[in-house]
Amino acid sequence: MPVNTEKYRRQAVADVVFFGLFRLACGAFLGALCLIPGLPRWLFWLFACLAVLCAGMLIPALVVLRQRLNEIEGGELDEALKY
């Protein structure tokens, strides 16, 4: 029984896109907090570092997506469904 790999590929990409949009929204929110007038310097740097961290989480997500797509293409899902 062959598995519809296109469905799993679309789902994996959609999951990473949703994660990316959420992370970018969080980063934009934290970046906007940096613009509050009269904010203490340490709090500015904390918000700035957290905003960069949110954006930086996109790189590992793309790496994991590539690994997942390779697993789907490699037929590992077919083998797992046999059990």
PDB file of N, CA and C in Angstrom:
ATOM      1  N   MET A   1       0.844  -1.172   0.000  1.00  0.00           N
ATOM      2  CA  MET A   1       0.000   0.000   0.000  1.00  0.00           C
ATOM      3  C   MET A   1       0.899   1.249   0.000  1.00  0.00           C
ATOM      4  N   PRO A   2       1.033   1.933  -1.132  1.00  0.00           N
ATOM      5  CA  PRO A   2       1.870   3.130  -1.185  1.00  0.00           C
ATOM      6  C   PRO A   2       1.221   4.292  -0.435  1.00  0.00           C
ATOM      7  N   VAL A   3       2.057   5.079   0.158  1.00  0.00           N
ATOM      8  CA  VAL A   3       1.599   6.224   0.948  1.00  0.00           C
ATOM      9  C   VAL A   3       1.627   7.469   0.066  1.00  0.00           C
ATOM     10  N   ASN A   4       0.630   8.319   0.220  1.00  0.00           N
ATOM     11  CA  ASN A   4       0.571   9.573  -0.520  1.00  0.00           C
ATOM     12  C   ASN A   4       1.589  10.542   0.098  1.00  0.00           C
ATOM     13  N   THR A   5       2.792  10.576  -0.464  1.00  0.00           N
ATOM     14  CA  THR A   5       3.856  11.393   0.116  1.00  0.00           C
ATOM     15  C   THR A   5       3.609  12.883  -0.065  1.00  0.00           C
ATOM     16  N   GLU A   6       2.865  13.242  -1.103  1.00  0.00           N
ATOM     17  CA  GLU A   6       2.602  14.672  -1.346  1.00  0.00           C
ATOM     18  C   GLU A   6       1.832  15.285  -0.179  1.00  0.00           C
ATOM     19  N   LYS A   7       0.916  14.530   0.363  1.00  0.00           N
ATOM     20  CA  LYS A   7       0.133  15.012   1.514  1.00  0.00           C
ATOM     21  C   LYS A   7       1.047  15.279   2.708  1.00  0.00           C
ATOM     22  N   TYR A   8       1.959  14.367   2.969  1.00  0.00           N
ATOM     23  CA  TYR A   8       2.877  14.530   4.098  1.00  0.00           C
ATOM     24  C   TYR A   8       3.877  15.655   3.849  1.00  0.00           C
ATOM     25  N   ARG A   9       4.287  15.821   2.606  1.00  0.00           N
ATOM     26  CA  ARG A   9       5.197  16.930   2.276  1.00  0.00           C
ATOM     27  C   ARG A   9       4.503  18.273   2.506  1.00  0.00           C
ATOM     28  N   ARG A  10       3.273  18.405   2.032  1.00  0.00           N
ATOM     29  CA  ARG A  10       2.524  19.653   2.220  1.00  0.00           C
ATOM     30  C   ARG A  10       2.320  19.945   3.701  1.00  0.00           C
ATOM     31  N   GLN A  11       2.006  18.911   4.479  1.00  0.00           N
ATOM     32  CA  GLN A  11       1.795  19.098   5.916  1.00  0.00           C
ATOM     33  C   GLN A  11       3.074  19.542   6.615  1.00  0.00           C
ATOM     34  N   ALA A  12       4.207  18.960   6.255  1.00  0.00           N
ATOM     35  CA  ALA A  12       5.478  19.336   6.872  1.00  0.00           C
ATOM     36  C   ALA A  12       5.825  20.790   6.541  1.00  0.00           C
ATOM     37  N   VAL A  13       5.620  21.178   5.293  1.00  0.00           N
ATOM     38  CA  VAL A  13       5.915  22.565   4.891  1.00  0.00           C
ATOM     39  C   VAL A  13       4.957  23.528   5.584  1.00  0.00           C
ATOM     40  N   ALA A  14       3.680  23.162   5.659  1.00  0.00           N
ATOM     41  CA  ALA A  14       2.700  24.030   6.318  1.00  0.00           C
ATOM     42  C   ALA A  14       3.037  24.211   7.798  1.00  0.00           C
ATOM     43  N   ASP A  15       3.481  23.153   8.444  1.00  0.00           N
ATOM     44  CA  ASP A  15       3.858  23.256   9.856  1.00  0.00           C
ATOM     45  C   ASP A  15       5.017  24.230  10.055  1.00  0.00           C
ATOM     46  N   VAL A  16       6.019  24.154   9.201  1.00  0.00           N
ATOM     47  CA  VAL A  16       7.172  25.042   9.338  1.00  0.00           C
ATOM     48  C   VAL A  16       6.794  26.483   8.982  1.00  0.00           C
ATOM     49  N   VAL A  17       5.914  26.659   8.007  1.00  0.00           N
ATOM     50  CA  VAL A  17       5.464  28.015   7.659  1.00  0.00           C
ATOM     51  C   VAL A  17       4.703  28.629   8.833  1.00  0.00           C
ATOM     52  N   PHE A  18       3.820  27.839   9.442  1.00  0.00           N
ATOM     53  CA  PHE A  18       3.079  28.342  10.601  1.00  0.00           C
ATOM     54  C   PHE A  18       4.028  28.698  11.744  1.00  0.00           C
ATOM     55  N   PHE A  19       4.992  27.817  12.015  1.00  0.00           N
ATOM     56  CA  PHE A  19       5.982  28.079  13.052  1.00  0.00           C
ATOM     57  C   PHE A  19       6.765  29.354  12.738  1.00  0.00           C
ATOM     58  N   GLY A  20       7.162  29.516  11.473  1.00  0.00           N
ATOM     59  CA  GLY A  20       7.925  30.690  11.074  1.00  0.00           C
ATOM     60  C   GLY A  20       7.137  31.979  11.229  1.00  0.00           C
ATOM     61  N   LEU A  21       5.874  31.949  10.834  1.00  0.00           N
ATOM     62  CA  LEU A  21       5.046  33.149  10.978  1.00  0.00           C
ATOM     63  C   LEU A  21       4.845  33.511  12.451  1.00  0.00           C
ATOM     64  N   PHE A  22       4.655  32.492  13.270  1.00  0.00           N
ATOM     65  CA  PHE A  22       4.501  32.749  14.702  1.00  0.00           C
ATOM     66  C   PHE A  22       5.776  33.339  15.292  1.00  0.00           C
ATOM     67  N   ARG A  23       6.920  32.781  14.909  1.00  0.00           N
ATOM     68  CA  ARG A  23       8.205  33.281  15.413  1.00  0.00           C
ATOM     69  C   ARG A  23       8.468  34.710  14.928  1.00  0.00           C
ATOM     70  N   LEU A  24       8.149  35.002  13.695  1.00  0.00           N
ATOM     71  CA  LEU A  24       8.347  36.355  13.182  1.00  0.00           C
ATOM     72  C   LEU A  24       7.428  37.348  13.889  1.00  0.00           C
ATOM     73  N   ALA A  25       6.205  36.931  14.187  1.00  0.00           N
ATOM     74  CA  ALA A  25       5.287  37.808  14.915  1.00  0.00           C
ATOM     75  C   ALA A  25       5.813  38.075  16.326  1.00  0.00           C
ATOM     76  N   CYS A  26       6.323  37.041  16.971  1.00  0.00           N
ATOM     77  CA  CYS A  26       6.907  37.235  18.314  1.00  0.00           C
ATOM     78  C   CYS A  26       8.122  38.159  18.252  1.00  0.00           C
ATOM     79  N   GLY A  27       8.958  37.956  17.242  1.00  0.00           N
ATOM     80  CA  GLY A  27      10.131  38.816  17.079  1.00  0.00           C
ATOM     81  C   GLY A  27       9.745  40.259  16.816  1.00  0.00           C
ATOM     82  N   ALA A  28       8.709  40.470  16.003  1.00  0.00           N
ATOM     83  CA  ALA A  28       8.250  41.831  15.729  1.00  0.00           C
ATOM     84  C   ALA A  28       7.683  42.480  16.995  1.00  0.00           C
ATOM     85  N   PHE A  29       6.967  41.703  17.774  1.00  0.00           N
ATOM     86  CA  PHE A  29       6.425  42.229  19.029  1.00  0.00           C
ATOM     87  C   PHE A  29       7.548  42.629  19.985  1.00  0.00           C
ATOM     88  N   LEU A  30       8.540  41.752  20.124  1.00  0.00           N
ATOM     89  CA  LEU A  30       9.663  42.065  21.011  1.00  0.00           C
ATOM     90  C   LEU A  30      10.478  43.241  20.473  1.00  0.00           C
ATOM     91  N   GLY A  31      10.603  43.318  19.154  1.00  0.00           N
ATOM     92  CA  GLY A  31      11.288  44.463  18.562  1.00  0.00           C
ATOM     93  C   GLY A  31      10.541  45.758  18.816  1.00  0.00           C
ATOM     94  N   ALA A  32       9.215  45.691  18.778  1.00  0.00           N
ATOM     95  CA  ALA A  32       8.410  46.880  19.055  1.00  0.00           C
ATOM     96  C   ALA A  32       8.542  47.298  20.523  1.00  0.00           C
ATOM     97  N   LEU A  33       8.716  46.324  21.402  1.00  0.00           N
ATOM     98  CA  LEU A  33       8.906  46.671  22.819  1.00  0.00           C
ATOM     99  C   LEU A  33      10.201  47.443  23.029  1.00  0.00           C
ATOM    100  N   CYS A  34      11.174  47.227  22.163  1.00  0.00           N
ATOM    101  CA  CYS A  34      12.439  47.973  22.264  1.00  0.00           C
ATOM    102  C   CYS A  34      12.239  49.462  22.021  1.00  0.00           C
ATOM    103  N   LEU A  35      11.164  49.834  21.368  1.00  0.00           N
ATOM    104  CA  LEU A  35      10.930  51.229  20.999  1.00  0.00           C
ATOM    105  C   LEU A  35      10.183  52.031  22.070  1.00  0.00           C
ATOM    106  N   ILE A  36       9.896  51.422  23.190  1.00  0.00           N
ATOM    107  CA  ILE A  36       9.199  52.126  24.264  1.00  0.00           C
ATOM    108  C   ILE A  36      10.111  53.235  24.797  1.00  0.00           C
ATOM    109  N   PRO A  37       9.628  54.472  24.820  1.00  0.00           N
ATOM    110  CA  PRO A  37      10.465  55.567  25.333  1.00  0.00           C
ATOM    111  C   PRO A  37      10.718  55.422  26.836  1.00  0.00           C
ATOM    112  N   GLY A  38      11.914  55.747  27.245  1.00  0.00           N
ATOM    113  CA  GLY A  38      12.276  55.706  28.651  1.00  0.00           C
ATOM    114  C   GLY A  38      12.541  54.301  29.176  1.00  0.00           C
ATOM    115  N   LEU A  39      12.697  53.349  28.294  1.00  0.00           N
ATOM    116  CA  LEU A  39      12.957  51.963  28.686  1.00  0.00           C
ATOM    117  C   LEU A  39      14.375  51.854  29.232  1.00  0.00           C
ATOM    118  N   PRO A  40      14.572  51.182  30.365  1.00  0.00           N
ATOM    119  CA  PRO A  40      15.946  51.002  30.877  1.00  0.00           C
ATOM    120  C   PRO A  40      16.801  50.264  29.847  1.00  0.00           C
ATOM    121  N   ARG A  41      18.071  50.581  29.841  1.00  0.00           N
ATOM    122  CA  ARG A  41      18.990  50.032  28.834  1.00  0.00           C
ATOM    123  C   ARG A  41      19.050  48.509  28.894  1.00  0.00           C
ATOM    124  N   TRP A  42      19.058  47.936  30.108  1.00  0.00           N
ATOM    125  CA  TRP A  42      19.143  46.483  30.224  1.00  0.00           C
ATOM    126  C   TRP A  42      17.897  45.812  29.661  1.00  0.00           C
ATOM    127  N   LEU A  43      16.744  46.437  29.823  1.00  0.00           N
ATOM    128  CA  LEU A  43      15.506  45.873  29.297  1.00  0.00           C
ATOM    129  C   LEU A  43      15.461  45.972  27.771  1.00  0.00           C
ATOM    130  N   PHE A  44      16.011  47.066  27.238  1.00  0.00           N
ATOM    131  CA  PHE A  44      16.121  47.201  25.786  1.00  0.00           C
ATOM    132  C   PHE A  44      16.939  46.050  25.212  1.00  0.00           C
ATOM    133  N   TRP A  45      18.091  45.781  25.820  1.00  0.00           N
ATOM    134  CA  TRP A  45      18.956  44.710  25.311  1.00  0.00           C
ATOM    135  C   TRP A  45      18.329  43.340  25.498  1.00  0.00           C
ATOM    136  N   LEU A  46      17.584  43.159  26.566  1.00  0.00           N
ATOM    137  CA  LEU A  46      16.886  41.891  26.767  1.00  0.00           C
ATOM    138  C   LEU A  46      15.857  41.662  25.663  1.00  0.00           C
ATOM    139  N   PHE A  47      15.037  42.670  25.379  1.00  0.00           N
ATOM    140  CA  PHE A  47      14.042  42.538  24.323  1.00  0.00           C
ATOM    141  C   PHE A  47      14.702  42.357  22.960  1.00  0.00           C
ATOM    142  N   ALA A  48      15.796  43.063  22.730  1.00  0.00           N
ATOM    143  CA  ALA A  48      16.489  42.942  21.450  1.00  0.00           C
ATOM    144  C   ALA A  48      17.073  41.531  21.266  1.00  0.00           C
ATOM    145  N   CYS A  49      17.673  41.002  22.318  1.00  0.00           N
ATOM    146  CA  CYS A  49      18.237  39.642  22.234  1.00  0.00           C
ATOM    147  C   CYS A  49      17.145  38.606  22.029  1.00  0.00           C
ATOM    148  N   LEU A  50      16.024  38.770  22.709  1.00  0.00           N
ATOM    149  CA  LEU A  50      14.919  37.831  22.526  1.00  0.00           C
ATOM    150  C   LEU A  50      14.332  37.919  21.119  1.00  0.00           C
ATOM    151  N   ALA A  51      14.282  39.117  20.546  1.00  0.00           N
ATOM    152  CA  ALA A  51      13.790  39.270  19.174  1.00  0.00           C
ATOM    153  C   ALA A  51      14.712  38.569  18.188  1.00  0.00           C
ATOM    154  N   VAL A  52      16.012  38.710  18.384  1.00  0.00           N
ATOM    155  CA  VAL A  52      16.974  38.036  17.509  1.00  0.00           C
ATOM    156  C   VAL A  52      16.891  36.525  17.689  1.00  0.00           C
ATOM    157  N   LEU A  53      16.703  36.087  18.913  1.00  0.00           N
ATOM    158  CA  LEU A  53      16.567  34.651  19.181  1.00  0.00           C
ATOM    159  C   LEU A  53      15.331  34.080  18.484  1.00  0.00           C
ATOM    160  N   CYS A  54      14.245  34.825  18.510  1.00  0.00           N
ATOM    161  CA  CYS A  54      13.026  34.368  17.820  1.00  0.00           C
ATOM    162  C   CYS A  54      13.275  34.219  16.330  1.00  0.00           C
ATOM    163  N   ALA A  55      13.940  35.179  15.735  1.00  0.00           N
ATOM    164  CA  ALA A  55      14.232  35.094  14.300  1.00  0.00           C
ATOM    165  C   ALA A  55      15.260  33.997  14.026  1.00  0.00           C
ATOM    166  N   GLY A  56      16.197  33.815  14.944  1.00  0.00           N
ATOM    167  CA  GLY A  56      17.231  32.800  14.758  1.00  0.00           C
ATOM    168  C   GLY A  56      16.703  31.374  14.814  1.00  0.00           C
ATOM    169  N   MET A  57      15.546  31.175  15.424  1.00  0.00           N
ATOM    170  CA  MET A  57      14.960  29.844  15.507  1.00  0.00           C
ATOM    171  C   MET A  57      14.450  29.353  14.154  1.00  0.00           C
ATOM    172  N   LEU A  58      14.401  30.231  13.172  1.00  0.00           N
ATOM    173  CA  LEU A  58      13.948  29.815  11.838  1.00  0.00           C
ATOM    174  C   LEU A  58      14.987  28.943  11.144  1.00  0.00           C
ATOM    175  N   ILE A  59      16.254  29.157  11.430  1.00  0.00           N
ATOM    176  CA  ILE A  59      17.309  28.382  10.774  1.00  0.00           C
ATOM    177  C   ILE A  59      17.234  26.904  11.160  1.00  0.00           C
ATOM    178  N   PRO A  60      17.165  26.554  12.455  1.00  0.00           N
ATOM    179  CA  PRO A  60      17.018  25.134  12.786  1.00  0.00           C
ATOM    180  C   PRO A  60      15.716  24.534  12.257  1.00  0.00           C
ATOM    181  N   ALA A  61      14.662  25.340  12.197  1.00  0.00           N
ATOM    182  CA  ALA A  61      13.389  24.830  11.670  1.00  0.00           C
ATOM    183  C   ALA A  61      13.522  24.439  10.206  1.00  0.00           C
ATOM    184  N   LEU A  62      14.264  25.218   9.440  1.00  0.00           N
ATOM    185  CA  LEU A  62      14.466  24.885   8.027  1.00  0.00           C
ATOM    186  C   LEU A  62      15.335  23.643   7.871  1.00  0.00           C
ATOM    187  N   VAL A  63      16.308  23.478   8.748  1.00  0.00           N
ATOM    188  CA  VAL A  63      17.154  22.279   8.710  1.00  0.00           C
ATOM    189  C   VAL A  63      16.314  21.038   9.009  1.00  0.00           C
ATOM    190  N   VAL A  64      15.465  21.129  10.020  1.00  0.00           N
ATOM    191  CA  VAL A  64      14.608  20.001  10.376  1.00  0.00           C
ATOM    192  C   VAL A  64      13.607  19.709   9.265  1.00  0.00           C
ATOM    193  N   LEU A  65      13.106  20.746   8.611  1.00  0.00           N
ATOM    194  CA  LEU A  65      12.194  20.538   7.481  1.00  0.00           C
ATOM    195  C   LEU A  65      12.889  19.770   6.369  1.00  0.00           C
ATOM    196  N   ARG A  66      14.111  20.136   6.062  1.00  0.00           N
ATOM    197  CA  ARG A  66      14.848  19.427   5.022  1.00  0.00           C
ATOM    198  C   ARG A  66      15.046  17.959   5.389  1.00  0.00           C
ATOM    199  N   GLN A  67      15.369  17.696   6.656  1.00  0.00           N
ATOM    200  CA  GLN A  67      15.524  16.314   7.107  1.00  0.00           C
ATOM    201  C   GLN A  67      14.202  15.553   6.996  1.00  0.00           C
ATOM    202  N   ARG A  68      13.122  16.204   7.373  1.00  0.00           N
ATOM    203  CA  ARG A  68      11.805  15.548   7.305  1.00  0.00           C
ATOM    204  C   ARG A  68      11.419  15.241   5.862  1.00  0.00           C
ATOM    205  N   LEU A  69      11.671  16.171   4.963  1.00  0.00           N
ATOM    206  CA  LEU A  69      11.345  15.929   3.560  1.00  0.00           C
ATOM    207  C   LEU A  69      12.196  14.791   2.994  1.00  0.00           C
ATOM    208  N   ASN A  70      13.446  14.704   3.428  1.00  0.00           N
ATOM    209  CA  ASN A  70      14.297  13.589   3.000  1.00  0.00           C
ATOM    210  C   ASN A  70      13.761  12.260   3.531  1.00  0.00           C
ATOM    211  N   GLU A  71      13.254  12.255   4.757  1.00  0.00           N
ATOM    212  CA  GLU A  71      12.663  11.041   5.318  1.00  0.00           C
ATOM    213  C   GLU A  71      11.434  10.623   4.526  1.00  0.00           C
ATOM    214  N   ILE A  72      10.607  11.585   4.173  1.00  0.00           N
ATOM    215  CA  ILE A  72       9.395  11.279   3.416  1.00  0.00           C
ATOM    216  C   ILE A  72       9.767  10.731   2.042  1.00  0.00           C
ATOM    217  N   GLU A  73      10.721  11.365   1.395  1.00  0.00           N
ATOM    218  CA  GLU A  73      11.146  10.905   0.063  1.00  0.00           C
ATOM    219  C   GLU A  73      11.853   9.554   0.131  1.00  0.00           C
ATOM    220  N   GLY A  74      12.552   9.297   1.230  1.00  0.00           N
ATOM    221  CA  GLY A  74      13.315   8.057   1.363  1.00  0.00           C
ATOM    222  C   GLY A  74      12.463   6.835   1.657  1.00  0.00           C
ATOM    223  N   GLY A  75      11.173   7.014   1.886  1.00  0.00           N
ATOM    224  CA  GLY A  75      10.296   5.892   2.115  1.00  0.00           C
ATOM    225  C   GLY A  75      10.272   5.401   3.543  1.00  0.00           C
ATOM    226  N   GLU A  76      10.824   6.161   4.465  1.00  0.00           N
ATOM    227  CA  GLU A  76      10.814   5.729   5.860  1.00  0.00           C
ATOM    228  C   GLU A  76       9.388   5.652   6.406  1.00  0.00           C
ATOM    229  N   LEU A  77       8.515   6.485   5.881  1.00  0.00           N
ATOM    230  CA  LEU A  77       7.133   6.463   6.320  1.00  0.00           C
ATOM    231  C   LEU A  77       6.461   5.177   5.845  1.00  0.00           C
ATOM    232  N   ASP A  78       6.753   4.742   4.633  1.00  0.00           N
ATOM    233  CA  ASP A  78       6.207   3.482   4.127  1.00  0.00           C
ATOM    234  C   ASP A  78       6.600   2.327   5.033  1.00  0.00           C
ATOM    235  N   GLU A  79       7.860   2.296   5.424  1.00  0.00           N
ATOM    236  CA  GLU A  79       8.341   1.214   6.275  1.00  0.00           C
ATOM    237  C   GLU A  79       7.702   1.260   7.654  1.00  0.00           C
ATOM    238  N   ALA A  80       7.495   2.446   8.189  1.00  0.00           N
ATOM    239  CA  ALA A  80       6.920   2.576   9.525  1.00  0.00           C
ATOM    240  C   ALA A  80       5.458   2.153   9.533  1.00  0.00           C
ATOM    241  N   LEU A  81       4.748   2.385   8.433  1.00  0.00           N
ATOM    242  CA  LEU A  81       3.336   2.034   8.386  1.00  0.00           C
ATOM    243  C   LEU A  81       3.099   0.529   8.234  1.00  0.00           C
ATOM    244  N   LYS A  82       4.131  -0.216   7.940  1.00  0.00           N
ATOM    245  CA  LYS A  82       3.976  -1.663   7.807  1.00  0.00           C
ATOM    246  C   LYS A  82       3.788  -2.328   9.165  1.00  0.00           C
ATOM    247  N   TYR A  83       4.184  -1.656  10.237  1.00  0.00           N
ATOM    248  CA  TYR A  83       4.126  -2.287  11.557  1.00  0.00           C
ATOM    249  C   TYR A  83       2.916  -1.874  12.330  1.00  0.00           C
TER     250      TYR A  83
END
